[in-house]
Amino acid sequence: MLHGGDAEDDELSRAVLAHLAPLTPVHRAAEPPEVRGGAVCTAELAERIDPATARLPVDARTEEITTVVWHRLRPLHPARLFDAVDELVTTSVRSRGRFWLATRHERMLAWDAVAGIVSVEDAGPWLAALPQAAWEMVSPARRTAAALEWNEITGDRVQHLVFTGPDLDPGRITALLDSCLLTPEEMLAGSDAWAGYDDPFAGVLDLEEIA
């Protein structure tokens, strides 16, 4: 359901929705409709929005819109990623996924951005950071998702970000994100050294932990 915006916003919104969900009908309303009751069961909704289990889009290109998937197995340097955030969120209209910061080796982080506004949140521990006994407390969907991406060295720690927008340059998005990864030399230093890196995200993420 579309509401508000001008004709250009309407055209872009319809193009993005047709790209991401081609079988979903799109309607425009003068006023936002009143929503009553649950559209889906709580457990199913939780799996859809949980960054650990959400089914993210795949690489795709339609007439106007491109989706770029970035998947890597090295941690990101927080300062370099922070410097790249503005370009990443302004060159795409929608991006989301999970990522791994070197300074937060044990924690999965969630990325969610729409129309130039980005949210970065702590999504809990990676399964690789938990003792085996604690896995029984994790949902089957979470364990399955981790198993599908499990790496002998990094466990379920992964970079999995998806960017969608008009006129996206896949090469530029990929190169920019790759430049934020730890270098081979930085990787050799290990997680104890990574913990001492400058982390511009700390102001937001540390507040979440306190709350």
Protein backbone atom coordinates (compact mmCIF):
# COMPACT_ATOMS: atom_id res chain seq x y z
CA MET A 1 0.00 0.00 0.00
CA LEU A 2 1.50 3.35 -1.11
CA HIS A 3 0.69 6.62 0.62
CA GLY A 4 2.12 10.12 0.25
CA GLY A 5 5.00 11.29 -1.94
CA ASP A 6 4.94 12.77 -5.42
CA ALA A 7 4.69 11.13 -8.84
CA GLU A 8 8.43 10.46 -8.98
CA ASP A 9 8.34 8.76 -5.56
CA ASP A 10 5.37 6.69 -6.69
CA GLU A 11 7.14 5.54 -9.86
CA LEU A 12 10.32 4.59 -8.00
CA SER A 13 8.40 2.79 -5.24
CA ARG A 14 6.44 0.74 -7.76
CA ALA A 15 9.62 -0.15 -9.67
CA VAL A 16 11.41 -1.29 -6.50
CA LEU A 17 8.41 -3.31 -5.28
CA ALA A 18 7.97 -4.94 -8.69
CA HIS A 19 11.66 -5.88 -8.58
CA LEU A 20 11.64 -7.29 -5.04
CA ALA A 21 8.17 -8.85 -5.02
CA PRO A 22 6.87 -9.10 -8.61
CA LEU A 23 3.72 -11.07 -7.67
CA THR A 24 2.61 -8.71 -4.91
CA PRO A 25 -0.23 -6.29 -5.84
CA VAL A 26 0.49 -2.61 -5.17
CA HIS A 27 -2.26 -0.09 -4.37
CA ARG A 28 -2.29 3.61 -3.56
CA ALA A 29 -4.48 5.06 -0.79
CA ALA A 30 -5.33 8.66 0.07
CA GLU A 31 -4.97 7.74 3.74
CA PRO A 32 -3.10 4.86 5.36
CA PRO A 33 -5.55 1.99 5.98
CA GLU A 34 -6.33 0.89 9.51
CA VAL A 35 -4.73 -2.48 10.16
CA ARG A 36 -6.51 -4.86 12.50
CA GLY A 37 -5.47 -8.29 13.69
CA GLY A 38 -2.37 -10.26 12.79
CA ALA A 39 -1.45 -10.78 9.16
CA VAL A 40 0.94 -13.66 9.89
CA CYS A 41 1.72 -15.78 12.92
CA THR A 42 4.17 -14.28 15.39
CA ALA A 43 6.81 -16.99 14.93
CA GLU A 44 6.75 -16.66 11.14
CA LEU A 45 7.00 -12.88 11.33
CA ALA A 46 9.93 -13.13 13.74
CA GLU A 47 11.82 -15.37 11.31
CA ARG A 48 11.15 -12.97 8.44
CA ILE A 49 12.57 -9.94 10.23
CA ASP A 50 15.33 -11.56 12.31
CA PRO A 51 18.62 -10.69 10.53
CA ALA A 52 19.91 -14.18 11.34
CA THR A 53 17.06 -15.97 9.54
CA ALA A 54 15.55 -13.45 7.12
CA ARG A 55 15.43 -14.59 3.50
CA LEU A 56 17.39 -11.88 1.75
CA PRO A 57 17.06 -11.11 -1.97
CA VAL A 58 19.50 -12.53 -4.51
CA ASP A 59 21.51 -10.76 -7.22
CA ALA A 60 19.00 -9.53 -9.80
CA ARG A 61 18.45 -6.88 -12.43
CA THR A 62 15.21 -5.68 -13.99
CA GLU A 63 14.67 -2.85 -16.45
CA GLU A 64 15.33 -0.09 -13.93
CA ILE A 65 16.34 -1.71 -10.62
CA THR A 66 19.39 -3.71 -9.57
CA THR A 67 19.99 -5.83 -6.47
CA VAL A 68 23.58 -6.49 -5.39
CA VAL A 69 24.45 -9.19 -2.84
CA TRP A 70 27.74 -8.88 -0.95
CA HIS A 71 28.94 -11.99 0.91
CA ARG A 72 32.36 -12.27 2.57
CA LEU A 73 34.08 -14.18 5.39
CA ARG A 74 36.40 -11.51 6.80
CA PRO A 75 35.48 -8.93 9.47
CA LEU A 76 34.95 -5.28 8.64
CA HIS A 77 37.12 -2.50 10.02
CA PRO A 78 34.64 -0.26 11.89
CA ALA A 79 36.24 3.07 10.99
CA ARG A 80 36.49 2.26 7.29
CA LEU A 81 32.90 1.02 7.17
CA PHE A 82 31.68 4.11 9.00
CA ASP A 83 33.34 6.32 6.38
CA ALA A 84 31.58 4.34 3.62
CA VAL A 85 28.09 4.40 5.15
CA ASP A 86 26.94 7.63 3.51
CA GLU A 87 27.73 6.46 -0.02
CA LEU A 88 26.27 3.00 0.61
CA VAL A 89 22.90 4.28 1.83
CA THR A 90 22.54 7.15 -0.66
CA THR A 91 23.29 5.09 -3.77
CA SER A 92 20.61 2.51 -2.87
CA VAL A 93 16.98 2.90 -1.83
CA ARG A 94 16.88 -0.28 0.24
CA SER A 95 19.57 -2.34 1.93
CA ARG A 96 19.59 -4.89 4.72
CA GLY A 97 21.44 -7.86 6.13
CA ARG A 98 23.84 -8.99 8.82
CA PHE A 99 27.48 -8.11 9.26
CA TRP A 100 30.58 -8.70 11.37
CA LEU A 101 32.67 -5.89 12.84
CA ALA A 102 36.22 -6.68 13.94
CA THR A 103 35.70 -4.80 17.21
CA ARG A 104 32.62 -6.90 18.04
CA HIS A 105 33.90 -10.35 17.23
CA GLU A 106 31.21 -12.16 19.25
CA ARG A 107 28.17 -10.14 18.10
CA MET A 108 26.03 -10.29 14.98
CA LEU A 109 25.06 -6.81 13.79
CA ALA A 110 21.97 -5.97 11.76
CA TRP A 111 21.93 -3.43 8.91
CA ASP A 112 18.63 -1.94 7.73
CA ALA A 113 18.45 1.13 5.48
CA VAL A 114 15.64 2.80 3.54
CA ALA A 115 15.79 6.01 1.49
CA GLY A 116 19.09 7.25 2.91
CA ILE A 117 18.39 6.44 6.57
CA VAL A 118 20.31 3.52 8.11
CA SER A 119 19.80 1.59 11.33
CA VAL A 120 22.63 -0.50 12.80
CA GLU A 121 21.71 -2.73 15.75
CA ASP A 122 23.15 -5.51 17.87
CA ALA A 123 21.33 -8.71 16.88
CA GLY A 124 22.78 -10.93 19.60
CA PRO A 125 25.70 -13.36 19.64
CA TRP A 126 26.90 -15.37 16.68
CA LEU A 127 26.24 -19.06 17.31
CA ALA A 128 29.99 -19.61 17.00
CA ALA A 129 30.40 -17.45 20.12
CA LEU A 130 28.05 -19.62 22.21
CA PRO A 131 28.87 -22.84 24.05
CA GLN A 132 27.39 -25.90 22.36
CA ALA A 133 24.94 -26.40 25.24
CA ALA A 134 23.37 -23.00 24.56
CA TRP A 135 22.42 -23.95 21.00
CA GLU A 136 19.40 -25.85 22.30
CA MET A 137 17.98 -22.49 23.42
CA VAL A 138 18.19 -21.12 19.86
CA SER A 139 15.31 -21.55 17.41
CA PRO A 140 15.53 -24.36 14.81
CA ALA A 141 15.34 -21.71 12.07
CA ARG A 142 18.38 -19.94 13.50
CA ARG A 143 20.37 -23.18 13.75
CA THR A 144 19.45 -24.09 10.17
CA ALA A 145 20.45 -20.67 8.85
CA ALA A 146 23.79 -20.89 10.66
CA ALA A 147 24.43 -24.40 9.32
CA LEU A 148 23.90 -23.26 5.74
CA GLU A 149 26.66 -20.65 6.07
CA TRP A 150 28.92 -22.44 8.55
CA ASN A 151 32.65 -22.10 7.94
CA GLU A 152 35.24 -24.29 9.64
CA ILE A 153 37.23 -21.24 10.78
CA THR A 154 34.72 -18.42 11.24
CA GLY A 155 31.62 -20.43 12.14
CA ASP A 156 28.48 -18.49 11.21
CA ARG A 157 30.28 -15.13 11.27
CA VAL A 158 29.68 -13.64 7.85
CA GLN A 159 29.11 -10.48 5.84
CA HIS A 160 25.76 -10.76 4.06
CA LEU A 161 24.43 -7.41 2.87
CA VAL A 162 21.99 -6.75 0.04
CA PHE A 163 21.57 -3.40 -1.76
CA THR A 164 18.69 -2.50 -4.11
CA GLY A 165 18.17 0.65 -6.16
CA PRO A 166 18.02 2.28 -9.60
CA ASP A 167 21.24 2.56 -11.59
CA LEU A 168 23.31 0.75 -8.97
CA ASP A 169 26.90 0.04 -9.96
CA PRO A 170 27.58 -3.49 -8.65
CA GLY A 171 31.31 -3.09 -9.16
CA ARG A 172 31.43 0.11 -7.13
CA ILE A 173 29.31 -1.27 -4.27
CA THR A 174 31.44 -4.42 -4.09
CA ALA A 175 34.75 -2.54 -4.28
CA LEU A 176 33.68 -0.06 -1.60
CA LEU A 177 32.65 -2.80 0.81
CA ASP A 178 35.74 -4.88 0.06
CA SER A 179 37.91 -1.88 0.92
CA CYS A 180 36.37 -1.91 4.41
CA LEU A 181 37.40 -5.50 5.16
CA LEU A 182 40.44 -6.23 7.29
CA THR A 183 43.60 -6.65 5.25
CA PRO A 184 45.54 -9.94 5.40
CA GLU A 185 48.03 -8.24 7.73
CA GLU A 186 45.24 -7.04 10.03
CA MET A 187 43.72 -10.52 10.03
CA LEU A 188 46.97 -11.98 11.34
CA ALA A 189 46.87 -9.64 14.35
CA GLY A 190 43.87 -11.52 15.77
CA SER A 191 40.72 -10.54 17.62
CA ASP A 192 42.54 -9.20 20.71
CA ALA A 193 44.21 -6.57 18.53
CA TRP A 194 40.98 -5.85 16.63
CA ALA A 195 39.23 -4.99 19.89
CA GLY A 196 41.46 -1.93 20.19
CA TYR A 197 40.46 -0.40 16.84
CA ASP A 198 38.64 2.92 16.80
CA ASP A 199 34.92 2.11 16.57
CA PRO A 200 32.66 5.00 15.49
CA PHE A 201 29.63 2.71 15.88
CA ALA A 202 30.27 2.34 19.62
CA GLY A 203 28.17 5.37 20.56
CA VAL A 204 25.03 3.69 19.21
CA LEU A 205 25.75 0.02 19.87
CA ASP A 206 27.04 0.48 23.41
CA LEU A 207 23.92 2.46 24.32
CA GLU A 208 21.79 -0.49 23.13
CA GLU A 209 23.72 -2.87 25.38
CA ILE A 210 23.21 -0.57 28.39
CA ALA A 211 19.48 -0.31 27.65
